[in-house]
Amino acid sequence: MDLTAFAQFLTVIFLFIVILVLTYFTTRFIAGYQKNHSVNTNIESVEVMRLSPSQYVQIIRIGQKYVAIAVSKDSIEKLCELSSEDVEAISQEETSMNSFRDVMDKIKQGLQR
């Protein structure tokens, strides 16, 4: 094998690794910037449910109000306003769900019978 061909191969591999590392750190920087930029806003998406590939129902918080909206490819429509008690009830139901360990313990008990 020719020495220049081997040197070109090593150069290409080195440049590939450098580009991957730069891409990784650039992506982390942009994600951190966007996360910090959106933390102190008055608008927050609380929950999203997909109805079809291009239609969603979202619960968003705007200031102290919660609003349910329908989002489609071409439009956004307000469905209703929700009280903070309604939204808190939803989040409490999610936290009362069993942990993964609890589910696995129940499966193990069922298999041992």
Protein backbone atom coordinates (compact mmCIF):
# COMPACT_ATOMS: atom_id res chain seq x y z
CA MET A 1 0.00 0.00 0.00
CA ASP A 2 1.22 3.45 -0.88
CA LEU A 3 2.26 5.67 2.03
CA THR A 4 0.41 8.73 0.64
CA ALA A 5 -2.84 6.75 0.35
CA PHE A 6 -2.49 5.66 3.99
CA ALA A 7 -1.80 9.26 5.06
CA GLN A 8 -4.90 10.44 3.17
CA PHE A 9 -6.96 7.72 4.85
CA LEU A 10 -5.76 8.79 8.32
CA THR A 11 -6.46 12.44 7.46
CA VAL A 12 -10.02 11.61 6.41
CA ILE A 13 -10.62 9.59 9.60
CA PHE A 14 -9.17 12.40 11.74
CA LEU A 15 -11.33 15.05 10.06
CA PHE A 16 -14.41 12.84 10.46
CA ILE A 17 -13.77 12.49 14.20
CA VAL A 18 -13.16 16.25 14.57
CA ILE A 19 -16.45 17.01 12.78
CA LEU A 20 -18.33 14.55 15.00
CA VAL A 21 -16.90 16.13 18.15
CA LEU A 22 -17.72 19.65 16.96
CA THR A 23 -21.25 18.59 16.05
CA TYR A 24 -21.75 17.01 19.49
CA PHE A 25 -20.61 20.09 21.41
CA THR A 26 -22.52 22.47 19.14
CA THR A 27 -25.71 20.49 19.67
CA ARG A 28 -25.22 20.47 23.45
CA PHE A 29 -24.54 24.23 23.45
CA ILE A 30 -27.65 25.04 21.42
CA ALA A 31 -29.83 22.74 23.56
CA GLY A 32 -28.55 24.34 26.76
CA TYR A 33 -29.09 27.82 25.36
CA GLN A 34 -32.66 27.02 24.32
CA LYS A 35 -33.41 25.36 27.65
CA ASN A 36 -32.15 28.34 29.63
CA HIS A 37 -33.89 30.77 27.30
CA SER A 38 -37.30 29.11 27.68
CA VAL A 39 -37.20 28.55 31.47
CA ASN A 40 -38.28 32.03 32.51
CA THR A 41 -41.21 32.46 30.15
CA ASN A 42 -44.89 32.91 30.90
CA ILE A 43 -45.97 30.30 28.36
CA GLU A 44 -45.47 26.60 29.05
CA SER A 45 -46.76 23.45 27.38
CA VAL A 46 -48.08 21.28 30.21
CA GLU A 47 -49.29 18.25 28.27
CA VAL A 48 -49.71 17.19 24.64
CA MET A 49 -51.89 14.42 23.24
CA ARG A 50 -51.62 13.37 19.61
CA LEU A 51 -54.93 12.70 17.88
CA SER A 52 -53.59 12.04 14.39
CA PRO A 53 -50.28 12.63 12.62
CA SER A 54 -51.05 16.33 12.20
CA GLN A 55 -53.53 17.04 15.02
CA TYR A 56 -52.85 17.56 18.72
CA VAL A 57 -54.67 18.68 21.83
CA GLN A 58 -52.45 20.67 24.18
CA ILE A 59 -52.82 22.04 27.66
CA ILE A 60 -50.76 25.18 27.97
CA ARG A 61 -50.14 27.55 30.85
CA ILE A 62 -50.21 31.24 30.02
CA GLY A 63 -49.33 33.22 33.11
CA GLN A 64 -51.59 31.72 35.78
CA LYS A 65 -54.28 30.45 33.38
CA TYR A 66 -54.48 27.03 31.79
CA VAL A 67 -55.97 26.68 28.32
CA ALA A 68 -56.76 23.61 26.21
CA ILE A 69 -56.08 24.17 22.51
CA ALA A 70 -56.44 22.11 19.36
CA VAL A 71 -53.45 22.33 17.05
CA SER A 72 -53.61 21.14 13.46
CA LYS A 73 -51.47 21.62 10.40
CA ASP A 74 -53.25 24.82 9.37
CA SER A 75 -54.82 26.25 12.54
CA ILE A 76 -54.89 26.58 16.30
CA GLU A 77 -58.20 26.78 18.13
CA LYS A 78 -58.97 27.46 21.77
CA LEU A 79 -61.10 24.67 23.21
CA CYS A 80 -61.64 25.81 26.80
CA GLU A 81 -60.02 27.27 29.88
CA LEU A 82 -59.14 24.91 32.70
CA SER A 83 -58.91 25.65 36.38
CA SER A 84 -55.64 25.01 38.17
CA GLU A 85 -57.43 22.33 40.22
CA ASP A 86 -58.23 20.38 37.04
CA VAL A 87 -54.62 20.46 35.92
CA GLU A 88 -53.34 19.54 39.39
CA ALA A 89 -55.72 16.57 39.49
CA ILE A 90 -54.25 15.32 36.22
CA SER A 91 -50.68 15.64 37.47
CA GLN A 92 -51.55 13.89 40.77
CA GLU A 93 -53.00 10.94 38.84
CA GLU A 94 -49.77 10.63 36.89
CA THR A 95 -47.65 10.63 40.06
CA SER A 96 -49.85 8.03 41.72
CA MET A 97 -49.07 5.54 38.97
CA ASN A 98 -46.92 2.61 40.03
CA SER A 99 -43.20 2.80 39.66
CA PHE A 100 -41.42 0.43 37.32
CA ARG A 101 -40.15 -1.56 40.29
CA ASP A 102 -43.72 -2.03 41.62
CA VAL A 103 -44.92 -3.24 38.24
CA MET A 104 -42.01 -5.69 37.93
CA ASP A 105 -42.66 -7.02 41.47
CA LYS A 106 -46.29 -7.68 40.57
CA ILE A 107 -45.23 -9.51 37.40
CA LYS A 108 -42.76 -11.64 39.39
CA GLN A 109 -45.45 -12.53 41.93
CA GLY A 110 -47.82 -13.51 39.13
CA LEU A 111 -45.20 -15.74 37.52
CA GLN A 112 -44.34 -17.46 40.81
CA ARG A 113 -47.93 -18.62 41.38
